[in-house]
Amino acid sequence: IERSAKDYTMPNLALIGDAAHNIHPLAGQGVNLGFSDSKELNLQLLTNSDKVLGDFSVLRKYARARRLDNELMAKTMTGLDWIYKENNEPLRWLRGFGMNVIDETPILKSFFQKQALGKSE
């Protein structure tokens, strides 16, 4: 369930949120990505307010700024879905071990909590 538009932008057009990318609905991260897309597009438009609205160079900055984060989250959600669907003993052990490591490591726990809340900055 992971899809992404080949291009997020073209002259006078920017795709954001689900129009630009779809991810597995696990953990509701699609909406957070959409909010981050909107925030970045707004930032680029404000920062480049001297340019014509829809200027392709401005829209490309938005697309470049967002693509990696969107793709990383999509791959992560697809991977987590797979890990939790698989039910063999070594993978169950690895899942439990990984979750314990995250839970017992404050910096990792904080990182993943921020990601889950859409606060990756």
C-alpha atoms as a PDB file:
ATOM      1  CA  ILE A   1       0.000   0.000   0.000  1.00  0.00           C
ATOM      2  CA  GLU A   2       2.960   2.235  -0.586  1.00  0.00           C
ATOM      3  CA  ARG A   3       2.800   4.567  -3.585  1.00  0.00           C
ATOM      4  CA  SER A   4       4.387   7.849  -4.459  1.00  0.00           C
ATOM      5  CA  ALA A   5       3.930  10.234  -7.356  1.00  0.00           C
ATOM      6  CA  LYS A   6       6.921  10.248  -9.687  1.00  0.00           C
ATOM      7  CA  ASP A   7       6.991  14.037  -9.373  1.00  0.00           C
ATOM      8  CA  TYR A   8       5.441  16.040  -6.553  1.00  0.00           C
ATOM      9  CA  THR A   9       5.551  19.212  -8.630  1.00  0.00           C
ATOM     10  CA  MET A  10       5.246  20.717 -12.064  1.00  0.00           C
ATOM     11  CA  PRO A  11       4.936  24.383 -13.033  1.00  0.00           C
ATOM     12  CA  ASN A  12       2.093  25.945 -11.024  1.00  0.00           C
ATOM     13  CA  LEU A  13       1.223  22.667  -9.273  1.00  0.00           C
ATOM     14  CA  ALA A  14       2.356  20.951  -6.072  1.00  0.00           C
ATOM     15  CA  LEU A  15       1.013  17.660  -4.768  1.00  0.00           C
ATOM     16  CA  ILE A  16       0.903  17.268  -0.989  1.00  0.00           C
ATOM     17  CA  GLY A  17      -0.305  14.599   1.419  1.00  0.00           C
ATOM     18  CA  ASP A  18      -2.132  11.620  -0.024  1.00  0.00           C
ATOM     19  CA  ALA A  19      -2.131  13.225  -3.476  1.00  0.00           C
ATOM     20  CA  ALA A  20       1.680  12.927  -3.461  1.00  0.00           C
ATOM     21  CA  HIS A  21       2.134   9.688  -1.520  1.00  0.00           C
ATOM     22  CA  ASN A  22       0.214   6.859   0.118  1.00  0.00           C
ATOM     23  CA  ILE A  23       1.617   4.705   2.877  1.00  0.00           C
ATOM     24  CA  HIS A  24       0.403   1.766   4.915  1.00  0.00           C
ATOM     25  CA  PRO A  25      -2.139   3.114   7.419  1.00  0.00           C
ATOM     26  CA  LEU A  26      -0.199   1.627  10.342  1.00  0.00           C
ATOM     27  CA  ALA A  27       0.113   4.191  13.157  1.00  0.00           C
ATOM     28  CA  GLY A  28      -1.700   6.919  11.207  1.00  0.00           C
ATOM     29  CA  GLN A  29       1.491   8.412   9.820  1.00  0.00           C
ATOM     30  CA  GLY A  30      -0.031   9.460   6.492  1.00  0.00           C
ATOM     31  CA  VAL A  31      -1.728  12.461   8.076  1.00  0.00           C
ATOM     32  CA  ASN A  32       1.520  13.521   9.775  1.00  0.00           C
ATOM     33  CA  LEU A  33       3.332  13.377   6.437  1.00  0.00           C
ATOM     34  CA  GLY A  34       0.582  15.486   4.883  1.00  0.00           C
ATOM     35  CA  PHE A  35       0.906  18.077   7.646  1.00  0.00           C
ATOM     36  CA  SER A  36       4.680  18.153   7.153  1.00  0.00           C
ATOM     37  CA  ASP A  37       4.234  18.561   3.394  1.00  0.00           C
ATOM     38  CA  SER A  38       1.881  21.474   3.977  1.00  0.00           C
ATOM     39  CA  LYS A  39       4.264  23.085   6.458  1.00  0.00           C
ATOM     40  CA  GLU A  40       7.219  22.778   4.065  1.00  0.00           C
ATOM     41  CA  LEU A  41       5.286  24.116   1.071  1.00  0.00           C
ATOM     42  CA  ASN A  42       4.116  27.068   3.158  1.00  0.00           C
ATOM     43  CA  LEU A  43       7.698  27.723   4.300  1.00  0.00           C
ATOM     44  CA  GLN A  44       8.998  27.665   0.723  1.00  0.00           C
ATOM     45  CA  LEU A  45       6.242  29.989  -0.493  1.00  0.00           C
ATOM     46  CA  LEU A  46       6.871  32.453   2.349  1.00  0.00           C
ATOM     47  CA  THR A  47      10.656  32.316   1.999  1.00  0.00           C
ATOM     48  CA  ASN A  48      10.400  32.950  -1.733  1.00  0.00           C
ATOM     49  CA  SER A  49       7.542  35.459  -1.673  1.00  0.00           C
ATOM     50  CA  ASP A  50       9.438  37.659  -4.130  1.00  0.00           C
ATOM     51  CA  LYS A  51       8.783  35.036  -6.830  1.00  0.00           C
ATOM     52  CA  VAL A  52       5.564  34.426  -8.721  1.00  0.00           C
ATOM     53  CA  LEU A  53       3.172  32.047  -6.974  1.00  0.00           C
ATOM     54  CA  GLY A  54       3.656  28.637  -8.577  1.00  0.00           C
ATOM     55  CA  ASP A  55       7.275  29.321  -9.606  1.00  0.00           C
ATOM     56  CA  PHE A  56       8.685  25.903 -10.461  1.00  0.00           C
ATOM     57  CA  SER A  57      12.036  26.477  -8.733  1.00  0.00           C
ATOM     58  CA  VAL A  58      10.217  27.179  -5.448  1.00  0.00           C
ATOM     59  CA  LEU A  59       7.956  24.161  -5.820  1.00  0.00           C
ATOM     60  CA  ARG A  60      10.973  21.941  -6.554  1.00  0.00           C
ATOM     61  CA  LYS A  61      12.563  23.060  -3.267  1.00  0.00           C
ATOM     62  CA  TYR A  62       9.460  21.827  -1.470  1.00  0.00           C
ATOM     63  CA  ALA A  63       9.575  18.482  -3.316  1.00  0.00           C
ATOM     64  CA  ARG A  64      13.267  17.959  -2.596  1.00  0.00           C
ATOM     65  CA  ALA A  65      12.798  18.828   1.068  1.00  0.00           C
ATOM     66  CA  ARG A  66       9.968  16.323   1.546  1.00  0.00           C
ATOM     67  CA  ARG A  67      10.660  13.308  -0.653  1.00  0.00           C
ATOM     68  CA  LEU A  68      13.284  11.568   1.514  1.00  0.00           C
ATOM     69  CA  ASP A  69      11.280  11.867   4.743  1.00  0.00           C
ATOM     70  CA  ASN A  70       8.130  10.644   3.005  1.00  0.00           C
ATOM     71  CA  GLU A  71       9.877   7.670   1.417  1.00  0.00           C
ATOM     72  CA  LEU A  72      11.665   6.749   4.639  1.00  0.00           C
ATOM     73  CA  MET A  73       8.395   6.751   6.593  1.00  0.00           C
ATOM     74  CA  ALA A  74       6.659   4.721   3.871  1.00  0.00           C
ATOM     75  CA  LYS A  75       9.412   2.077   3.900  1.00  0.00           C
ATOM     76  CA  THR A  76       9.397   2.014   7.706  1.00  0.00           C
ATOM     77  CA  MET A  77       5.624   1.472   7.895  1.00  0.00           C
ATOM     78  CA  THR A  78       5.755  -1.252   5.230  1.00  0.00           C
ATOM     79  CA  GLY A  79       8.625  -2.930   7.103  1.00  0.00           C
ATOM     80  CA  LEU A  80       6.866  -2.752  10.466  1.00  0.00           C
ATOM     81  CA  ASP A  81       3.716  -4.187   8.937  1.00  0.00           C
ATOM     82  CA  TRP A  82       5.716  -7.112   7.556  1.00  0.00           C
ATOM     83  CA  ILE A  83       7.599  -7.685  10.830  1.00  0.00           C
ATOM     84  CA  TYR A  84       4.376  -7.823  12.830  1.00  0.00           C
ATOM     85  CA  LYS A  85       2.535 -10.012  10.308  1.00  0.00           C
ATOM     86  CA  GLU A  86       5.269 -12.642  10.286  1.00  0.00           C
ATOM     87  CA  ASN A  87       4.812 -15.065  13.143  1.00  0.00           C
ATOM     88  CA  ASN A  88       7.909 -17.238  13.310  1.00  0.00           C
ATOM     89  CA  GLU A  89       9.723 -17.655  16.620  1.00  0.00           C
ATOM     90  CA  PRO A  90      13.043 -15.936  15.746  1.00  0.00           C
ATOM     91  CA  LEU A  91      11.196 -12.892  14.415  1.00  0.00           C
ATOM     92  CA  ARG A  92       8.920 -12.732  17.477  1.00  0.00           C
ATOM     93  CA  TRP A  93      12.026 -12.814  19.679  1.00  0.00           C
ATOM     94  CA  LEU A  94      13.714 -10.115  17.583  1.00  0.00           C
ATOM     95  CA  ARG A  95      10.592  -7.893  17.753  1.00  0.00           C
ATOM     96  CA  GLY A  96      10.455  -8.221  21.523  1.00  0.00           C
ATOM     97  CA  PHE A  97      14.176  -7.599  21.902  1.00  0.00           C
ATOM     98  CA  GLY A  98      14.013  -4.531  19.664  1.00  0.00           C
ATOM     99  CA  MET A  99      11.057  -3.073  21.536  1.00  0.00           C
ATOM    100  CA  ASN A 100      12.825  -3.639  24.876  1.00  0.00           C
ATOM    101  CA  VAL A 101      15.972  -1.905  23.607  1.00  0.00           C
ATOM    102  CA  ILE A 102      13.914   1.085  22.451  1.00  0.00           C
ATOM    103  CA  ASP A 103      11.951   1.190  25.708  1.00  0.00           C
ATOM    104  CA  GLU A 104      15.109   1.066  27.846  1.00  0.00           C
ATOM    105  CA  THR A 105      17.102   3.615  25.789  1.00  0.00           C
ATOM    106  CA  PRO A 106      15.807   7.145  26.455  1.00  0.00           C
ATOM    107  CA  ILE A 107      17.276   8.722  23.318  1.00  0.00           C
ATOM    108  CA  LEU A 108      15.785   6.010  21.074  1.00  0.00           C
ATOM    109  CA  LYS A 109      12.463   6.119  22.889  1.00  0.00           C
ATOM    110  CA  SER A 110      12.302   9.903  22.510  1.00  0.00           C
ATOM    111  CA  PHE A 111      13.235   9.694  18.815  1.00  0.00           C
ATOM    112  CA  PHE A 112      10.486   7.186  18.023  1.00  0.00           C
ATOM    113  CA  GLN A 113       7.910   9.082  20.084  1.00  0.00           C
ATOM    114  CA  LYS A 114       8.685  12.261  18.140  1.00  0.00           C
ATOM    115  CA  GLN A 115       8.442  10.389  14.843  1.00  0.00           C
ATOM    116  CA  ALA A 116       5.087   8.918  15.835  1.00  0.00           C
ATOM    117  CA  LEU A 117       3.792  12.389  16.680  1.00  0.00           C
ATOM    118  CA  GLY A 118       5.057  13.815  13.390  1.00  0.00           C
ATOM    119  CA  LYS A 119       7.733  15.926  15.072  1.00  0.00           C
ATOM    120  CA  SER A 120      10.791  14.820  13.137  1.00  0.00           C
ATOM    121  CA  GLU A 121      12.487  18.241  13.220  1.00  0.00           C
END
